[in-house]
Protein backbone atom coordinates (compact mmCIF):
# COMPACT_ATOMS: atom_id res chain seq x y z
CA MET A 1 4.28 -67.87 93.21
CA LEU A 2 2.16 -64.74 93.01
CA GLU A 3 1.42 -65.03 96.72
CA LEU A 4 5.13 -65.39 97.57
CA PHE A 5 5.88 -62.44 95.27
CA ALA A 6 3.35 -60.30 97.13
CA GLN A 7 4.59 -61.45 100.54
CA ASN A 8 8.20 -60.58 99.64
CA ASN A 9 7.07 -57.14 98.53
CA ARG A 10 5.22 -56.58 101.80
CA ASP A 11 8.17 -57.76 103.87
CA LEU A 12 10.69 -55.52 102.08
CA ALA A 13 8.37 -52.66 101.09
CA LEU A 14 9.72 -52.72 97.54
CA PHE A 15 6.82 -50.77 96.05
CA GLY A 16 3.46 -49.42 97.10
CA GLY A 17 0.05 -49.44 95.47
CA GLY A 18 0.48 -45.96 94.03
CA ASP A 19 4.00 -46.42 92.70
CA LYS A 20 4.66 -46.24 88.97
CA ILE A 21 7.30 -48.77 87.93
CA ILE A 22 9.57 -49.20 84.91
CA VAL A 23 10.05 -52.95 84.35
CA ALA A 24 13.30 -53.90 82.60
CA LEU A 25 12.23 -56.40 79.93
CA SER A 26 15.00 -58.31 78.16
CA GLY A 27 12.79 -61.11 76.84
CA GLY A 28 14.51 -63.75 78.96
CA VAL A 29 12.48 -66.02 81.20
CA ASP A 30 13.26 -64.10 84.40
CA SER A 31 12.16 -60.74 83.01
CA MET A 32 9.03 -62.23 81.44
CA VAL A 33 8.01 -63.78 84.76
CA LEU A 34 8.70 -60.47 86.54
CA ALA A 35 6.54 -58.62 84.01
CA GLU A 36 3.68 -61.12 84.46
CA LEU A 37 3.83 -60.94 88.26
CA MET A 38 3.90 -57.13 88.21
CA LEU A 39 0.88 -57.00 85.90
CA GLN A 40 -1.02 -59.60 87.92
CA SER A 41 -0.29 -57.52 91.05
CA GLY A 42 -2.03 -54.55 89.43
CA VAL A 43 1.07 -52.36 89.37
CA ALA A 44 1.07 -49.31 87.09
CA CYS A 45 4.08 -49.97 84.89
CA VAL A 46 5.77 -49.54 81.52
CA PHE A 47 8.41 -51.76 79.96
CA ALA A 48 11.97 -50.81 78.94
CA HIS A 49 14.10 -52.88 76.57
CA CYS A 50 17.81 -52.46 75.71
CA ASN A 51 19.13 -53.61 72.33
CA PHE A 52 22.90 -53.83 72.76
CA HIS A 53 23.46 -55.14 69.21
CA LEU A 54 25.84 -57.82 70.44
CA ARG A 55 24.21 -60.92 68.90
CA GLY A 56 23.29 -59.77 65.41
CA LYS A 57 19.86 -60.96 64.29
CA ALA A 58 19.17 -62.53 67.69
CA SER A 59 19.28 -59.10 69.36
CA ASP A 60 16.71 -57.75 66.91
CA ASP A 61 14.58 -60.88 67.33
CA ASP A 62 14.49 -60.26 71.09
CA GLU A 63 13.35 -56.68 70.47
CA ARG A 64 10.54 -57.82 68.16
CA PHE A 65 9.48 -60.43 70.72
CA VAL A 66 9.12 -57.95 73.59
CA CYS A 67 7.37 -55.49 71.27
CA ARG A 68 4.73 -58.12 70.46
CA TYR A 69 4.35 -59.01 74.14
CA ALA A 70 3.91 -55.37 75.20
CA GLU A 71 1.34 -54.84 72.45
CA GLN A 72 -0.61 -57.93 73.57
CA LYS A 73 -0.62 -56.71 77.16
CA GLY A 74 -1.46 -53.12 76.23
CA VAL A 75 1.62 -51.81 78.02
CA ILE A 76 3.85 -49.02 76.69
CA LEU A 77 7.33 -50.25 75.74
CA TYR A 78 10.41 -48.03 75.47
CA VAL A 79 13.37 -49.33 73.44
CA GLN A 80 16.93 -47.98 73.42
CA HIS A 81 19.70 -48.99 71.00
CA PHE A 82 23.37 -48.97 72.06
CA ASP A 83 26.70 -49.20 70.26
CA THR A 84 27.98 -51.35 73.11
CA GLU A 85 31.23 -52.60 71.58
CA ASN A 86 32.40 -49.11 70.68
CA TYR A 87 31.49 -47.78 74.12
CA ALA A 88 33.40 -50.63 75.76
CA ALA A 89 36.50 -49.96 73.60
CA GLN A 90 36.44 -46.21 74.20
CA ASN A 91 36.12 -46.64 77.97
CA ASP A 92 38.39 -49.68 78.38
CA LEU A 93 35.55 -51.78 79.76
CA SER A 94 34.50 -55.38 79.34
CA ILE A 95 31.37 -55.89 77.25
CA GLU A 96 29.52 -56.94 80.40
CA MET A 97 30.45 -53.77 82.29
CA ALA A 98 29.77 -51.56 79.27
CA ALA A 99 26.27 -53.01 78.87
CA ARG A 100 25.66 -52.59 82.58
CA ASP A 101 26.71 -48.93 82.59
CA LEU A 102 24.66 -48.13 79.50
CA ARG A 103 21.44 -49.78 80.64
CA TYR A 104 21.50 -48.40 84.17
CA ALA A 105 22.18 -44.88 82.91
CA TRP A 106 19.32 -45.12 80.42
CA PHE A 107 16.90 -46.65 82.92
CA GLU A 108 17.50 -43.74 85.30
CA GLU A 109 17.24 -41.18 82.50
CA LEU A 110 13.93 -42.71 81.40
CA ARG A 111 12.64 -42.80 84.97
CA ARG A 112 13.34 -39.11 85.41
CA GLN A 113 11.75 -38.21 82.07
CA LEU A 114 8.58 -40.15 82.88
CA ALA A 115 8.56 -39.04 86.54
CA TYR A 116 8.22 -42.69 87.56
CA ASP A 117 9.04 -43.95 91.02
CA LYS A 118 11.18 -47.07 90.60
CA ILE A 119 12.91 -49.42 88.18
CA ALA A 120 12.26 -53.15 88.61
CA LEU A 121 15.03 -55.57 87.61
CA ALA A 122 14.61 -59.33 87.25
CA HIS A 123 17.70 -60.49 89.16
CA HIS A 124 17.01 -63.70 91.07
CA ALA A 125 18.67 -65.88 93.71
CA ASP A 126 21.01 -67.61 91.26
CA ASP A 127 22.16 -64.23 89.91
CA GLN A 128 22.93 -63.29 93.51
CA ILE A 129 25.13 -66.35 93.99
CA GLU A 130 26.91 -65.78 90.67
CA THR A 131 27.58 -62.15 91.64
CA PHE A 132 29.02 -63.31 94.95
CA PHE A 133 31.55 -65.55 93.16
CA ILE A 134 32.37 -62.89 90.56
CA ASN A 135 33.25 -60.40 93.29
CA LEU A 136 35.07 -63.07 95.31
CA LEU A 137 37.28 -63.99 92.33
CA ARG A 138 37.99 -60.32 91.61
CA GLY A 139 39.21 -59.76 95.16
CA SER A 140 36.32 -57.87 96.69
CA GLY A 141 35.81 -56.95 100.32
CA ILE A 142 32.65 -57.28 102.35
CA ASN A 143 30.89 -54.53 100.37
CA GLY A 144 31.19 -56.60 97.19
CA LEU A 145 30.57 -60.01 98.73
CA LYS A 146 27.18 -58.88 100.02
CA ALA A 147 26.23 -58.90 96.31
CA MET A 148 22.97 -57.19 95.25
CA LYS A 149 20.39 -55.52 97.46
CA PRO A 150 16.62 -55.88 97.01
CA VAL A 151 16.41 -52.08 97.15
CA ASN A 152 19.20 -49.83 95.92
CA GLY A 153 17.97 -46.28 95.60
CA ARG A 154 15.39 -46.29 92.81
CA LEU A 155 16.30 -49.83 91.75
CA ILE A 156 14.25 -52.74 93.09
CA ARG A 157 14.78 -56.48 92.61
CA PRO A 158 11.49 -58.23 93.46
CA LEU A 159 12.73 -61.73 92.48
CA LEU A 160 15.91 -62.04 94.53
CA TRP A 161 14.17 -64.63 96.72
CA ALA A 162 13.34 -66.95 93.77
CA SER A 163 15.71 -69.48 92.21
CA ARG A 164 16.13 -69.81 88.45
CA ALA A 165 14.54 -73.27 88.63
CA ARG A 166 11.43 -71.89 90.40
CA ILE A 167 11.12 -69.08 87.85
CA GLU A 168 11.40 -71.44 84.88
CA ASP A 169 8.90 -73.85 86.43
CA TYR A 170 6.40 -71.02 86.91
CA ALA A 171 6.88 -69.89 83.30
CA ARG A 172 6.26 -73.39 81.91
CA ARG A 173 3.25 -74.09 84.11
CA ASN A 174 1.65 -70.80 83.06
CA GLY A 175 2.42 -71.15 79.36
CA LEU A 176 4.72 -68.14 79.17
CA GLN A 177 7.00 -67.67 76.20
CA TRP A 178 10.49 -66.23 76.39
CA CYS A 179 13.70 -65.77 74.41
CA GLU A 180 16.63 -68.12 74.89
CA ASP A 181 20.01 -66.40 74.75
CA ALA A 182 22.34 -68.98 73.21
CA THR A 183 25.38 -67.16 74.60
CA ASN A 184 24.27 -68.09 78.13
CA ARG A 185 25.40 -71.64 77.38
CA GLU A 186 28.84 -70.45 76.27
CA SER A 187 31.45 -70.06 79.01
CA VAL A 188 32.94 -66.95 77.43
CA TYR A 189 32.17 -64.46 80.19
CA LEU A 190 33.08 -65.02 83.83
CA ARG A 191 29.42 -65.12 84.90
CA ASN A 192 28.66 -67.84 82.36
CA THR A 193 31.66 -69.89 83.49
CA ILE A 194 30.44 -69.72 87.08
CA ARG A 195 26.88 -70.58 86.00
CA ASN A 196 27.75 -73.42 83.61
CA GLU A 197 30.81 -75.00 85.21
CA LEU A 198 31.50 -73.93 88.79
CA LEU A 199 28.03 -74.04 90.35
CA PRO A 200 27.01 -77.40 88.82
CA GLU A 201 30.14 -78.91 90.38
CA PHE A 202 29.22 -77.36 93.73
CA ASP A 203 25.73 -78.80 93.34
CA ARG A 204 27.25 -82.25 92.80
CA LEU A 205 29.49 -82.02 95.85
CA PHE A 206 27.10 -80.12 98.14
CA PRO A 207 23.44 -80.48 97.06
CA GLU A 208 22.26 -77.71 99.42
CA CYS A 209 25.07 -75.31 98.56
CA ARG A 210 22.92 -72.65 96.88
CA LYS A 211 20.71 -72.20 99.93
CA ALA A 212 23.78 -72.04 102.17
CA ILE A 213 25.52 -69.47 99.96
CA GLY A 214 22.32 -67.43 99.83
CA ARG A 215 22.23 -67.33 103.63
CA SER A 216 25.89 -66.29 103.72
CA VAL A 217 25.19 -63.42 101.33
CA SER A 218 22.33 -62.20 103.51
CA TYR A 219 24.58 -62.37 106.60
CA LEU A 220 27.28 -60.39 104.78
CA ALA A 221 24.75 -57.74 103.79
CA ALA A 222 23.69 -57.30 107.43
CA GLU A 223 27.29 -57.23 108.63
CA ASN A 224 28.21 -54.71 105.95
CA GLY A 225 25.46 -52.38 107.16
CA LEU A 226 26.80 -52.53 110.69
CA TYR A 227 30.38 -52.07 109.43
CA ARG A 228 29.41 -48.97 107.44
CA GLU A 229 27.70 -47.43 110.45
CA MET A 230 30.72 -48.06 112.71
CA LEU A 231 33.09 -46.78 110.00
CA HIS A 232 31.14 -43.55 109.65
CA ASN A 233 31.24 -43.00 113.40
CA ARG A 234 34.99 -43.71 113.49
CA LEU A 235 35.88 -41.32 110.68
CA THR A 236 33.64 -38.61 112.12
CA ALA A 237 35.41 -38.91 115.48
CA ILE A 238 38.97 -38.63 114.11
CA THR A 239 38.46 -36.05 111.33
CA ARG A 240 39.22 -32.40 111.94
CA LEU A 241 37.65 -29.90 109.55
CA GLU A 242 39.43 -26.71 108.48
CA LYS A 243 37.38 -24.74 105.95
CA GLU A 244 36.99 -27.21 103.05
CA SER A 245 39.81 -29.50 104.15
CA GLN A 246 39.66 -32.74 106.15
CA ILE A 247 42.61 -33.51 108.41
CA ILE A 248 43.37 -36.81 110.12
CA GLU A 249 46.42 -37.45 112.28
CA LYS A 250 48.78 -40.17 111.01
CA GLN A 251 48.64 -41.98 114.31
CA TYR A 252 45.11 -43.22 113.56
CA PHE A 253 46.43 -45.23 110.61
CA ASP A 254 49.38 -46.68 112.52
CA ASN A 255 47.91 -50.09 113.38
CA GLU A 256 46.97 -53.37 111.71
CA ASN A 257 43.67 -51.93 110.46
CA GLY A 258 45.12 -48.61 109.39
CA ARG A 259 45.44 -49.43 105.70
CA GLN A 260 41.76 -50.38 105.50
CA LEU A 261 40.70 -47.25 107.36
CA LEU A 262 42.81 -45.15 104.98
CA PHE A 263 41.17 -46.80 101.97
CA GLU A 264 37.65 -46.27 103.32
CA TRP A 265 38.40 -42.60 103.91
CA LEU A 266 39.89 -41.86 100.51
CA TYR A 267 37.92 -44.14 98.16
CA PRO A 268 34.76 -41.98 98.06
CA TYR A 269 36.92 -39.09 96.86
CA GLY A 270 38.21 -40.91 93.79
CA PHE A 271 41.42 -42.51 95.08
CA ASN A 272 41.89 -46.11 93.96
CA THR A 273 43.50 -49.06 95.71
CA ASP A 274 46.93 -48.50 94.14
CA GLN A 275 46.96 -44.84 95.12
CA VAL A 276 46.05 -45.70 98.70
CA GLY A 277 49.00 -48.09 98.75
CA PHE A 278 51.32 -45.31 97.60
CA VAL A 279 49.89 -42.99 100.25
CA ALA A 280 50.58 -45.61 102.93
CA GLN A 281 54.18 -45.89 101.73
CA ALA A 282 54.57 -42.10 101.66
CA MET A 283 53.49 -41.87 105.28
CA GLU A 284 56.75 -43.63 106.18
CA GLY A 285 58.90 -41.16 104.21
CA VAL A 286 59.50 -37.43 104.04
CA CYS A 287 56.54 -35.08 104.38
CA GLY A 288 55.08 -32.98 101.58
CA LYS A 289 54.20 -35.82 99.20
CA ARG A 290 51.07 -34.98 97.18
CA PHE A 291 48.46 -37.22 95.57
CA ARG A 292 45.55 -36.29 93.36
CA SER A 293 42.26 -37.78 92.23
CA ALA A 294 39.92 -36.20 89.70
CA THR A 295 38.38 -34.02 92.39
CA HIS A 296 40.66 -33.96 95.45
CA ARG A 297 44.24 -33.46 96.51
CA LEU A 298 45.87 -35.27 99.44
CA VAL A 299 48.99 -33.93 101.13
CA VAL A 300 51.08 -36.09 103.47
CA GLU A 301 52.37 -33.74 106.16
CA ARG A 302 54.70 -34.51 109.06
CA SER A 303 52.04 -35.68 111.51
CA PHE A 304 48.78 -35.62 109.55
CA LEU A 305 47.09 -36.09 106.18
CA GLN A 306 45.14 -33.23 104.62
CA LEU A 307 42.43 -33.85 102.01
CA SER A 308 41.09 -30.87 100.05
CA PRO A 309 38.88 -30.36 97.00
CA ILE A 310 40.69 -29.13 93.90
CA CYS A 311 39.65 -25.56 93.21
CA GLU A 312 40.34 -24.27 89.73
CA GLU A 313 40.80 -20.65 88.70
CA LYS A 314 37.58 -18.93 87.63
CA PHE A 315 37.31 -17.80 84.02
CA ASP A 316 34.72 -17.21 81.31
CA MET A 317 36.04 -18.76 78.10
CA LEU A 318 39.20 -20.16 76.57
CA LEU A 319 39.66 -20.33 72.80
CA ILE A 320 41.79 -22.94 71.03
CA ASP A 321 42.69 -22.20 67.40
CA SER A 322 43.36 -24.82 64.73
CA ASP A 323 47.09 -24.51 65.47
CA LEU A 324 46.14 -25.79 68.96
CA LYS A 325 47.64 -22.80 70.75
CA ALA A 326 45.74 -21.31 73.66
CA ILE A 327 46.12 -18.80 76.44
CA SER A 328 46.91 -19.98 79.98
CA ALA A 329 44.22 -22.49 80.92
CA PRO A 330 42.65 -23.21 84.32
CA VAL A 331 42.47 -26.87 83.29
CA ALA A 332 45.75 -28.44 82.24
CA ILE A 333 45.02 -29.99 78.82
CA ARG A 334 47.58 -30.78 76.16
CA PHE A 335 46.26 -30.83 72.58
CA LEU A 336 47.96 -32.82 69.83
CA LYS A 337 46.89 -33.45 66.25
CA THR A 338 48.07 -36.76 64.83
CA GLU A 339 47.38 -38.93 61.82
CA LYS A 340 45.32 -42.10 62.29
CA THR A 341 47.66 -44.53 60.58
CA PRO A 342 46.96 -48.29 60.36
CA ASP A 343 49.25 -48.86 63.36
CA TYR A 344 47.75 -46.03 65.43
CA VAL A 345 47.48 -47.13 69.06
CA ILE A 346 44.34 -45.97 70.89
CA ASP A 347 45.06 -44.60 74.36
CA ARG A 348 42.17 -45.66 76.60
CA SER A 349 43.33 -43.73 79.67
CA PRO A 350 40.45 -41.90 81.39
CA GLU A 351 42.35 -38.61 81.21
CA VAL A 352 42.58 -38.80 77.41
CA ALA A 353 39.90 -37.88 74.84
CA LEU A 354 40.39 -38.95 71.22
CA LEU A 355 38.34 -36.85 68.80
CA ASN A 356 37.82 -37.01 65.03
CA PHE A 357 39.81 -33.90 64.06
CA ASP A 358 38.14 -33.52 60.66
CA LYS A 359 34.69 -33.15 62.26
CA LEU A 360 35.81 -30.30 64.54
CA LYS A 361 35.15 -26.62 63.85
CA PHE A 362 37.67 -24.14 65.22
CA PRO A 363 38.19 -22.24 67.36
CA LEU A 364 37.32 -24.74 70.06
CA LYS A 365 36.07 -23.32 73.33
CA LEU A 366 36.73 -24.46 76.88
CA ARG A 367 34.45 -23.31 79.68
CA LYS A 368 32.66 -24.45 82.82
CA TRP A 369 29.45 -26.36 82.14
CA GLU A 370 26.22 -24.40 82.27
CA LYS A 371 22.63 -25.24 83.08
CA GLY A 372 20.87 -26.40 79.92
CA ASP A 373 24.00 -27.87 78.30
CA ARG A 374 23.26 -31.01 76.28
CA PHE A 375 25.42 -33.59 74.53
CA ARG A 376 25.22 -37.09 73.09
CA PRO A 377 27.17 -39.42 75.42
CA LEU A 378 29.44 -41.91 73.66
CA GLY A 379 27.55 -45.11 72.95
CA MET A 380 24.07 -43.55 73.00
CA LYS A 381 21.88 -42.41 70.12
CA GLY A 382 20.03 -39.49 71.68
CA SER A 383 21.16 -36.37 73.49
CA LYS A 384 20.73 -35.72 77.18
CA LEU A 385 21.07 -32.84 79.59
CA LEU A 386 24.49 -32.63 81.16
CA SER A 387 22.82 -32.19 84.55
CA ASP A 388 21.06 -35.56 84.07
CA PHE A 389 24.35 -37.13 82.99
CA PHE A 390 25.90 -35.94 86.24
CA VAL A 391 23.10 -37.56 88.24
CA ASN A 392 23.58 -40.85 86.39
CA GLN A 393 27.31 -40.68 87.08
CA GLY A 394 26.69 -40.03 90.78
CA LEU A 395 28.76 -36.82 90.82
CA THR A 396 28.91 -34.72 93.96
CA THR A 397 28.11 -31.01 93.98
CA HIS A 398 31.81 -30.20 94.14
CA GLN A 399 32.57 -32.48 91.19
CA LYS A 400 29.87 -30.81 89.12
CA GLU A 401 31.20 -27.37 89.99
CA GLN A 402 34.65 -28.37 88.75
CA THR A 403 33.48 -29.83 85.42
CA PHE A 404 34.57 -28.21 82.17
CA VAL A 405 33.31 -28.77 78.64
CA LEU A 406 35.14 -28.49 75.32
CA LEU A 407 32.95 -27.11 72.56
CA ASN A 408 33.02 -26.79 68.80
CA ALA A 409 32.88 -23.32 67.28
CA ASP A 410 29.15 -23.95 66.79
CA GLU A 411 28.71 -24.49 70.58
CA THR A 412 28.32 -28.28 70.27
CA ILE A 413 29.90 -30.07 73.23
CA VAL A 414 32.59 -32.45 72.00
CA TRP A 415 34.00 -33.52 75.37
CA VAL A 416 32.83 -33.36 78.96
CA VAL A 417 36.37 -33.03 80.24
CA GLY A 418 37.58 -36.11 82.06
CA ARG A 419 34.16 -37.80 81.77
CA ARG A 420 32.83 -38.62 78.30
CA ILE A 421 33.19 -37.52 74.67
CA ASP A 422 30.24 -36.81 72.40
CA ASP A 423 29.32 -39.81 70.22
CA ARG A 424 29.32 -37.67 67.07
CA PHE A 425 33.05 -36.97 67.39
CA LYS A 426 34.28 -40.50 68.09
CA LEU A 427 36.91 -42.21 65.96
CA ASP A 428 35.58 -44.46 63.24
CA GLN A 429 36.89 -46.34 60.19
CA GLY A 430 36.85 -43.16 58.11
CA THR A 431 38.85 -41.07 60.58
CA LYS A 432 42.05 -39.69 59.07
CA ASN A 433 43.24 -37.25 61.73
CA VAL A 434 42.91 -37.43 65.51
CA LEU A 435 42.87 -34.66 68.08
CA GLU A 436 44.33 -36.04 71.29
CA CYS A 437 43.26 -34.10 74.38
CA ARG A 438 45.22 -35.11 77.44
CA LEU A 439 44.71 -33.96 81.01
CA PHE A 440 47.87 -33.57 83.06
CA ASP A 441 48.94 -32.14 86.43
């Protein structure tokens, strides 16, 4: 298997001899095999382990296991603890998606701190097939059905060619130990249902189905690359630029593929599927209809659509007293103090921040973010630079320029407006009063 591992790396150029790699080490059989193959290949690497605290003692047992393994191998291990359930609740995410967001953000933060080259993940061929079905059942297009890529920026997946069966066989034949996650056998999450119920039935009906699906995923990935190239050329040809605005004539969307073209144009600027549907409807009505994402404004004119970045008024500082009154603000935020009663309903809308009022120090301050600003993102234990947070979130230069922060009187950031609150000001069981901060047009 080591020879196949090396050949796959040469074919895809996943990493070079001088690259320094962070290996994600969960303790499961796939990550343990990846770690062994990386070490046997002579790669300079460290290990990174996430403790999501989702399985009680079992989560801590996994952490102790990987700590022992790293010590035996003489490899540095970095461990991060997450309050995953609280992060999921605050951001209206499933536990799976919350864990995914948290670990990828931390992996990238760690990579930057260590000045390492890449992050190696232990996804394998069966994970690829499961991801294909997850995206299919959620109604994805070609971009989702292509599933995972062997190389995605700084992320590499050196085991995508290997099946789970091959990986487990290698581990047993080489006497490797690993942690068994009992929840993998429970069909609670969609991925587990696909793994435990759907795919075994496919195997029974079509014994070669996994190889066939794997080929289909690779074909979709190639087709998606071609589609993206043609889409870029198409949008470039029909877009007219006026200062910071993009203008496209309505006529280019007036065909059977127009709705898809409209979506592909607007989606990168923060417009979701529902909004695109409303835009398409508005194109049939009177002109002047306006739509807004977090960063851009779209205006439906008589014969064209105009997309422009949202530019806010420049200012130095805005003070908010304990009576929640403030001068005219460049960012439209409504502040409301309310009691956290037993029947208090948590609003999980992305434009709403819920803060523990009793931990705040007034006057609060609202200003543009500045270089060197730090905060503790909800769900994480340590602080991080806001500039690094922006990188992890994939924000554009314009989005960064339009980001405001709400601060305590002691200059502590309590909310990166419209993005994330500070973990120290989250609601907890002891919260008596809530400050609701709501963005509005």
